[in-house]
N, C-alpha and C. Protein backbone atom coordinates (compact mmCIF):
# COMPACT_ATOMS: atom_id res chain seq x y z
N MET A 1 -6.57 42.44 -72.19
CA MET A 1 -5.94 41.15 -71.97
C MET A 1 -4.42 41.11 -72.19
N GLY A 2 -3.76 40.32 -71.37
CA GLY A 2 -2.28 40.47 -71.40
C GLY A 2 -1.83 39.52 -72.65
N SER A 3 -0.60 39.73 -72.85
CA SER A 3 0.09 39.11 -73.88
C SER A 3 0.30 37.43 -73.35
N PHE A 4 0.67 36.84 -74.28
CA PHE A 4 0.86 35.41 -74.02
C PHE A 4 1.98 35.24 -73.06
N GLU A 5 3.10 36.02 -73.11
CA GLU A 5 4.21 35.99 -72.30
C GLU A 5 3.88 36.37 -70.85
N GLU A 6 3.02 37.43 -70.70
CA GLU A 6 2.54 37.82 -69.38
C GLU A 6 1.67 36.69 -68.77
N ASP A 7 0.89 36.12 -69.51
CA ASP A 7 0.01 35.08 -69.03
C ASP A 7 0.86 33.73 -68.75
N ARG A 8 1.86 33.55 -69.38
CA ARG A 8 2.77 32.49 -69.08
C ARG A 8 3.61 32.67 -67.74
N GLN A 9 4.18 34.00 -67.62
CA GLN A 9 4.77 34.34 -66.26
C GLN A 9 3.76 34.33 -65.09
N ALA A 10 2.50 34.80 -65.22
CA ALA A 10 1.51 34.69 -64.24
C ALA A 10 1.34 33.21 -63.70
N ALA A 11 1.21 32.37 -64.79
CA ALA A 11 1.05 30.97 -64.53
C ALA A 11 2.22 30.38 -63.87
N ARG A 12 3.31 30.75 -64.37
CA ARG A 12 4.62 30.37 -63.65
C ARG A 12 4.65 30.62 -62.29
N LYS A 13 4.39 31.98 -61.92
CA LYS A 13 4.32 32.46 -60.60
C LYS A 13 3.23 31.75 -59.64
N ALA A 14 2.26 31.43 -60.40
CA ALA A 14 1.11 30.73 -59.57
C ALA A 14 1.56 29.21 -59.38
N LEU A 15 2.29 28.67 -60.33
CA LEU A 15 2.83 27.36 -60.03
C LEU A 15 3.99 27.27 -59.02
N ASP A 16 4.76 28.33 -59.13
CA ASP A 16 5.85 28.32 -58.13
C ASP A 16 5.15 28.60 -56.63
N VAL A 17 4.24 29.37 -56.55
CA VAL A 17 3.47 29.38 -55.20
C VAL A 17 2.94 28.14 -54.86
N LEU A 18 2.30 27.46 -55.76
CA LEU A 18 1.76 26.03 -55.34
C LEU A 18 2.79 25.16 -55.11
N PHE A 19 4.07 25.12 -55.79
CA PHE A 19 4.98 24.32 -55.49
C PHE A 19 5.63 24.51 -54.02
N ASP A 20 5.81 25.87 -53.73
CA ASP A 20 6.30 26.12 -52.39
C ASP A 20 5.22 25.67 -51.35
N LYS A 21 3.94 25.72 -51.54
CA LYS A 21 3.00 25.22 -50.68
C LYS A 21 2.98 23.72 -50.44
N ILE A 22 3.23 23.19 -51.73
CA ILE A 22 3.35 21.55 -51.53
C ILE A 22 4.72 21.16 -50.82
N VAL A 23 5.73 21.82 -51.19
CA VAL A 23 6.96 21.67 -50.44
C VAL A 23 6.81 21.78 -48.90
N GLY A 24 6.21 22.88 -48.55
CA GLY A 24 5.73 23.26 -47.16
C GLY A 24 4.90 22.11 -46.56
N ALA A 25 3.95 21.64 -47.16
CA ALA A 25 2.99 20.68 -46.76
C ALA A 25 3.76 19.38 -46.52
N VAL A 26 4.56 18.97 -47.56
CA VAL A 26 5.47 17.66 -47.41
C VAL A 26 6.34 17.82 -46.18
N SER A 27 6.95 18.90 -46.07
CA SER A 27 7.88 19.07 -44.73
C SER A 27 6.98 18.88 -43.57
N VAL A 28 5.83 19.44 -43.40
CA VAL A 28 4.96 19.26 -42.28
C VAL A 28 4.67 17.79 -42.11
N LEU A 29 4.29 17.03 -43.19
CA LEU A 29 3.94 15.60 -43.09
C LEU A 29 5.17 14.94 -42.71
N VAL A 30 6.40 15.27 -43.14
CA VAL A 30 7.61 14.49 -42.75
C VAL A 30 7.80 14.53 -41.19
N GLU A 31 7.57 15.80 -40.79
CA GLU A 31 7.78 16.13 -39.42
C GLU A 31 6.84 15.39 -38.48
N LYS A 32 5.55 15.34 -39.07
CA LYS A 32 4.37 14.58 -38.42
C LYS A 32 4.62 13.14 -38.25
N ASP A 33 5.22 12.64 -39.51
CA ASP A 33 5.60 11.04 -39.51
C ASP A 33 6.65 10.81 -38.58
N ASN A 34 7.69 11.74 -38.50
CA ASN A 34 8.75 11.41 -37.47
C ASN A 34 8.22 11.57 -36.18
N ARG A 35 7.27 12.51 -35.80
CA ARG A 35 6.80 12.49 -34.42
C ARG A 35 5.94 11.41 -34.12
N ILE A 36 5.23 10.83 -35.14
CA ILE A 36 4.39 9.72 -34.93
C ILE A 36 5.29 8.47 -34.65
N ALA A 37 6.27 8.35 -35.40
CA ALA A 37 7.33 7.23 -35.13
C ALA A 37 7.81 7.36 -33.77
N GLU A 38 8.18 8.60 -33.28
CA GLU A 38 8.85 8.71 -31.97
C GLU A 38 7.80 8.43 -30.87
N LEU A 39 6.52 8.67 -31.09
CA LEU A 39 5.47 8.34 -30.08
C LEU A 39 5.23 6.91 -30.11
N GLU A 40 5.25 6.30 -31.24
CA GLU A 40 5.14 4.90 -31.34
C GLU A 40 6.27 4.11 -30.49
N ARG A 41 7.53 4.50 -30.67
CA ARG A 41 8.65 4.03 -29.93
C ARG A 41 8.41 4.25 -28.34
N GLU A 42 7.99 5.42 -28.07
CA GLU A 42 7.72 5.65 -26.55
C GLU A 42 6.53 4.79 -26.12
N ALA A 43 5.50 4.51 -26.99
CA ALA A 43 4.37 3.74 -26.53
C ALA A 43 4.79 2.23 -26.42
N ASP A 44 5.74 1.85 -27.27
CA ASP A 44 6.30 0.44 -27.11
C ASP A 44 7.04 0.26 -25.71
N VAL A 45 7.90 1.24 -25.55
CA VAL A 45 8.78 1.25 -24.32
C VAL A 45 7.70 1.25 -23.04
N SER A 46 6.72 2.08 -23.15
CA SER A 46 5.68 2.13 -22.13
C SER A 46 5.00 0.75 -21.92
N ASP A 47 4.58 0.14 -23.07
CA ASP A 47 3.85 -1.12 -23.01
C ASP A 47 4.77 -2.15 -22.22
N LYS A 48 6.15 -2.18 -22.65
CA LYS A 48 7.05 -3.13 -22.11
C LYS A 48 7.19 -2.98 -20.51
N LEU A 49 7.24 -1.61 -20.13
CA LEU A 49 7.41 -1.41 -18.81
C LEU A 49 6.04 -1.68 -17.98
N ILE A 50 5.01 -1.54 -18.58
CA ILE A 50 3.63 -1.93 -18.05
C ILE A 50 3.69 -3.46 -17.84
N ARG A 51 4.08 -4.35 -18.82
CA ARG A 51 4.07 -5.67 -18.77
C ARG A 51 5.07 -6.14 -17.72
N GLU A 52 6.22 -5.52 -17.57
CA GLU A 52 7.14 -5.96 -16.51
C GLU A 52 6.54 -5.59 -15.14
N ARG A 53 5.88 -4.45 -14.99
CA ARG A 53 5.31 -4.10 -13.77
C ARG A 53 4.37 -5.08 -13.39
N ASN A 54 3.42 -5.36 -14.34
CA ASN A 54 2.35 -6.38 -14.08
C ASN A 54 3.05 -7.78 -13.53
N ARG A 55 4.00 -8.01 -14.34
CA ARG A 55 4.53 -9.33 -14.01
C ARG A 55 5.15 -9.37 -12.64
N VAL A 56 5.77 -8.29 -12.25
CA VAL A 56 6.21 -8.21 -10.85
C VAL A 56 5.17 -8.20 -9.82
N LEU A 57 4.11 -7.48 -9.95
CA LEU A 57 2.85 -7.39 -9.31
C LEU A 57 2.22 -8.77 -9.14
N GLN A 58 2.14 -9.45 -10.10
CA GLN A 58 1.64 -10.92 -10.09
C GLN A 58 2.62 -11.75 -9.14
N ALA A 59 3.88 -11.63 -9.27
CA ALA A 59 4.90 -12.35 -8.43
C ALA A 59 4.82 -11.99 -7.13
N LEU A 60 4.60 -10.86 -6.71
CA LEU A 60 4.61 -10.26 -5.46
C LEU A 60 3.09 -9.94 -4.97
N GLY A 61 2.21 -10.60 -5.43
CA GLY A 61 0.61 -10.34 -5.18
C GLY A 61 0.50 -10.08 -3.71
N CYS A 62 -0.30 -9.05 -3.50
CA CYS A 62 -0.85 -8.61 -2.14
C CYS A 62 -1.90 -9.59 -1.77
N ASP A 63 -1.72 -10.08 -0.52
CA ASP A 63 -2.70 -11.04 0.08
C ASP A 63 -4.05 -10.47 0.25
N VAL A 64 -4.23 -9.16 0.34
CA VAL A 64 -5.52 -8.55 0.57
C VAL A 64 -6.03 -8.04 -0.81
N HIS A 65 -5.31 -7.52 -1.70
CA HIS A 65 -5.73 -6.78 -2.92
C HIS A 65 -5.40 -7.59 -4.23
N GLY A 66 -4.58 -8.50 -4.18
CA GLY A 66 -4.11 -9.27 -5.34
C GLY A 66 -2.89 -8.52 -5.94
N GLU A 67 -3.07 -7.93 -7.02
CA GLU A 67 -2.01 -7.18 -7.58
C GLU A 67 -1.97 -5.79 -7.35
N CYS A 68 -1.20 -5.21 -6.23
CA CYS A 68 -1.24 -3.81 -5.99
C CYS A 68 0.12 -3.46 -5.47
N VAL A 69 0.33 -2.13 -5.86
CA VAL A 69 1.78 -1.62 -5.72
C VAL A 69 2.12 -1.66 -4.32
N PRO A 70 1.33 -1.06 -3.28
CA PRO A 70 1.68 -0.97 -2.08
C PRO A 70 1.94 -2.46 -1.31
N GLY A 71 1.10 -3.27 -1.75
CA GLY A 71 1.47 -4.72 -1.29
C GLY A 71 2.66 -5.28 -1.75
N ALA A 72 3.07 -4.99 -2.95
CA ALA A 72 4.34 -5.52 -3.71
C ALA A 72 5.47 -4.74 -2.87
N LEU A 73 5.36 -3.57 -2.71
CA LEU A 73 6.43 -2.80 -1.90
C LEU A 73 6.69 -3.39 -0.62
N GLU A 74 5.59 -3.74 0.16
CA GLU A 74 5.70 -4.33 1.42
C GLU A 74 6.43 -5.66 1.34
N LYS A 75 5.92 -6.40 0.30
CA LYS A 75 6.70 -7.71 0.22
C LYS A 75 8.18 -7.58 0.07
N VAL A 76 8.43 -6.61 -1.00
CA VAL A 76 9.92 -6.33 -1.28
C VAL A 76 10.69 -6.02 0.13
N ALA A 77 9.95 -5.10 0.95
CA ALA A 77 10.73 -4.66 2.19
C ALA A 77 10.73 -5.86 3.03
N GLU A 78 9.81 -6.75 3.22
CA GLU A 78 9.99 -7.99 3.93
C GLU A 78 11.02 -8.91 3.30
N LEU A 79 11.24 -9.08 1.95
CA LEU A 79 12.23 -9.90 1.43
C LEU A 79 13.57 -9.40 1.85
N ASN A 80 13.70 -8.02 1.72
CA ASN A 80 14.94 -7.22 2.02
C ASN A 80 15.37 -7.61 3.45
N THR A 81 14.46 -7.46 4.29
CA THR A 81 14.72 -7.60 5.74
C THR A 81 15.14 -9.09 5.93
N LEU A 82 14.34 -10.03 5.36
CA LEU A 82 14.68 -11.52 5.35
C LEU A 82 16.03 -11.84 5.03
N ALA A 83 16.43 -11.11 3.86
CA ALA A 83 17.77 -11.30 3.22
C ALA A 83 18.81 -10.84 4.19
N ARG A 84 18.52 -9.68 4.64
CA ARG A 84 19.67 -9.00 5.69
C ARG A 84 19.66 -10.01 6.85
N ASP A 85 18.69 -10.56 7.37
CA ASP A 85 18.62 -11.50 8.55
C ASP A 85 19.45 -12.71 8.31
N ARG A 86 19.18 -13.30 7.06
CA ARG A 86 19.83 -14.49 6.64
C ARG A 86 21.37 -14.22 6.54
N LEU A 87 21.67 -13.14 5.77
CA LEU A 87 23.17 -12.62 5.66
C LEU A 87 23.82 -12.55 7.05
N GLU A 88 23.18 -11.94 7.97
CA GLU A 88 23.75 -11.92 9.29
C GLU A 88 23.99 -13.23 9.89
N LEU A 89 23.00 -14.02 9.79
CA LEU A 89 23.11 -15.43 10.44
C LEU A 89 24.21 -16.13 9.65
N LEU A 90 24.27 -15.99 8.33
CA LEU A 90 25.38 -16.62 7.64
C LEU A 90 26.76 -16.24 8.12
N THR A 91 26.90 -14.92 8.23
CA THR A 91 28.10 -14.28 8.70
C THR A 91 28.43 -14.84 10.09
N LEU A 92 27.43 -14.74 10.91
CA LEU A 92 27.68 -15.41 12.35
C LEU A 92 28.17 -16.79 12.26
N SER A 93 27.54 -17.59 11.37
CA SER A 93 27.79 -18.99 11.28
C SER A 93 29.15 -19.25 10.64
N CYS A 94 29.70 -18.31 9.74
CA CYS A 94 31.03 -18.41 9.22
C CYS A 94 32.09 -18.00 10.35
N GLN A 95 31.79 -17.11 11.07
CA GLN A 95 32.67 -16.67 12.33
C GLN A 95 32.74 -17.80 13.28
N LYS A 96 31.56 -18.47 13.67
CA LYS A 96 31.71 -19.72 14.46
C LYS A 96 32.57 -20.78 13.86
N VAL A 97 32.25 -20.94 12.57
CA VAL A 97 33.12 -22.00 12.00
C VAL A 97 34.52 -21.86 12.05
N ALA A 98 34.96 -20.46 11.82
CA ALA A 98 36.36 -20.13 11.91
C ALA A 98 36.82 -20.33 13.26
N GLU A 99 35.98 -19.93 14.31
CA GLU A 99 36.39 -20.03 15.71
C GLU A 99 36.65 -21.46 16.02
N LEU A 100 35.83 -22.35 15.50
CA LEU A 100 35.83 -23.77 15.86
C LEU A 100 37.03 -24.43 15.16
N GLU A 101 37.38 -23.95 13.98
CA GLU A 101 38.41 -24.45 13.23
C GLU A 101 39.76 -24.17 13.96
N SER A 102 39.84 -22.85 14.45
CA SER A 102 40.86 -22.45 15.27
C SER A 102 41.12 -23.35 16.61
N LYS A 103 39.86 -23.44 17.24
CA LYS A 103 40.11 -24.36 18.40
C LYS A 103 40.51 -25.81 18.19
N LEU A 104 40.13 -26.29 17.01
CA LEU A 104 40.34 -27.68 16.58
C LEU A 104 41.76 -27.61 16.29
N ALA A 105 42.33 -26.66 15.56
CA ALA A 105 43.82 -26.64 15.33
C ALA A 105 44.52 -26.61 16.61
N GLU A 106 44.23 -25.84 17.54
CA GLU A 106 44.79 -25.70 18.93
C GLU A 106 44.74 -27.01 19.47
N SER A 107 43.66 -27.63 19.59
CA SER A 107 43.56 -28.98 20.21
C SER A 107 44.47 -30.10 19.58
N GLU A 108 44.53 -30.00 18.39
CA GLU A 108 45.35 -30.83 17.50
C GLU A 108 46.78 -30.67 17.95
N ARG A 109 47.20 -29.56 18.14
CA ARG A 109 48.61 -29.23 18.56
C ARG A 109 48.81 -29.63 20.03
N THR A 110 47.79 -29.45 20.85
CA THR A 110 47.92 -29.90 22.25
C THR A 110 47.98 -31.47 22.30
N VAL A 111 47.21 -32.22 21.46
CA VAL A 111 47.26 -33.63 21.38
C VAL A 111 48.71 -33.97 20.97
N GLU A 112 49.24 -33.27 19.97
CA GLU A 112 50.47 -33.62 19.39
C GLU A 112 51.57 -33.59 20.50
N ASP A 113 51.35 -32.37 21.38
CA ASP A 113 52.35 -32.06 22.34
C ASP A 113 52.30 -33.16 23.35
N LEU A 114 51.13 -33.60 23.80
CA LEU A 114 50.88 -34.74 24.80
C LEU A 114 51.54 -36.03 24.25
N ILE A 115 51.39 -36.26 23.00
CA ILE A 115 51.99 -37.56 22.43
C ILE A 115 53.57 -37.47 22.48
N GLN A 116 54.01 -36.38 22.14
CA GLN A 116 55.48 -36.30 22.22
C GLN A 116 56.00 -36.22 23.52
N GLU A 117 55.18 -35.74 24.62
CA GLU A 117 55.79 -35.83 25.87
C GLU A 117 55.83 -37.13 26.50
N GLN A 118 55.10 -38.09 25.78
CA GLN A 118 54.98 -39.58 26.34
C GLN A 118 56.12 -40.28 25.87
């Protein structure tokens, strides 16, 4: 049998080993908790994106399938074409208005010239 001091030192070493294991386990738990929190944040972002996607699909529902991505993309393409066509018509209309305003200004000058000649 060992002396009291030897037993105390052996117990101390055993406690140190256990303490190191506990510190290691706590570190692993902290890392796992951090990863869980990160995954929860990512899941929240994914859920928000899915909700927004579903909202868009509901707004642009496919006439054949209801809420489907290909149908929504087709509608977006149609809306883009429609918007481009309307912009082109608006641009042409603005150009015509400018031409008419110019002609009106010229005719007003011509009328003033005729009035002054008389």
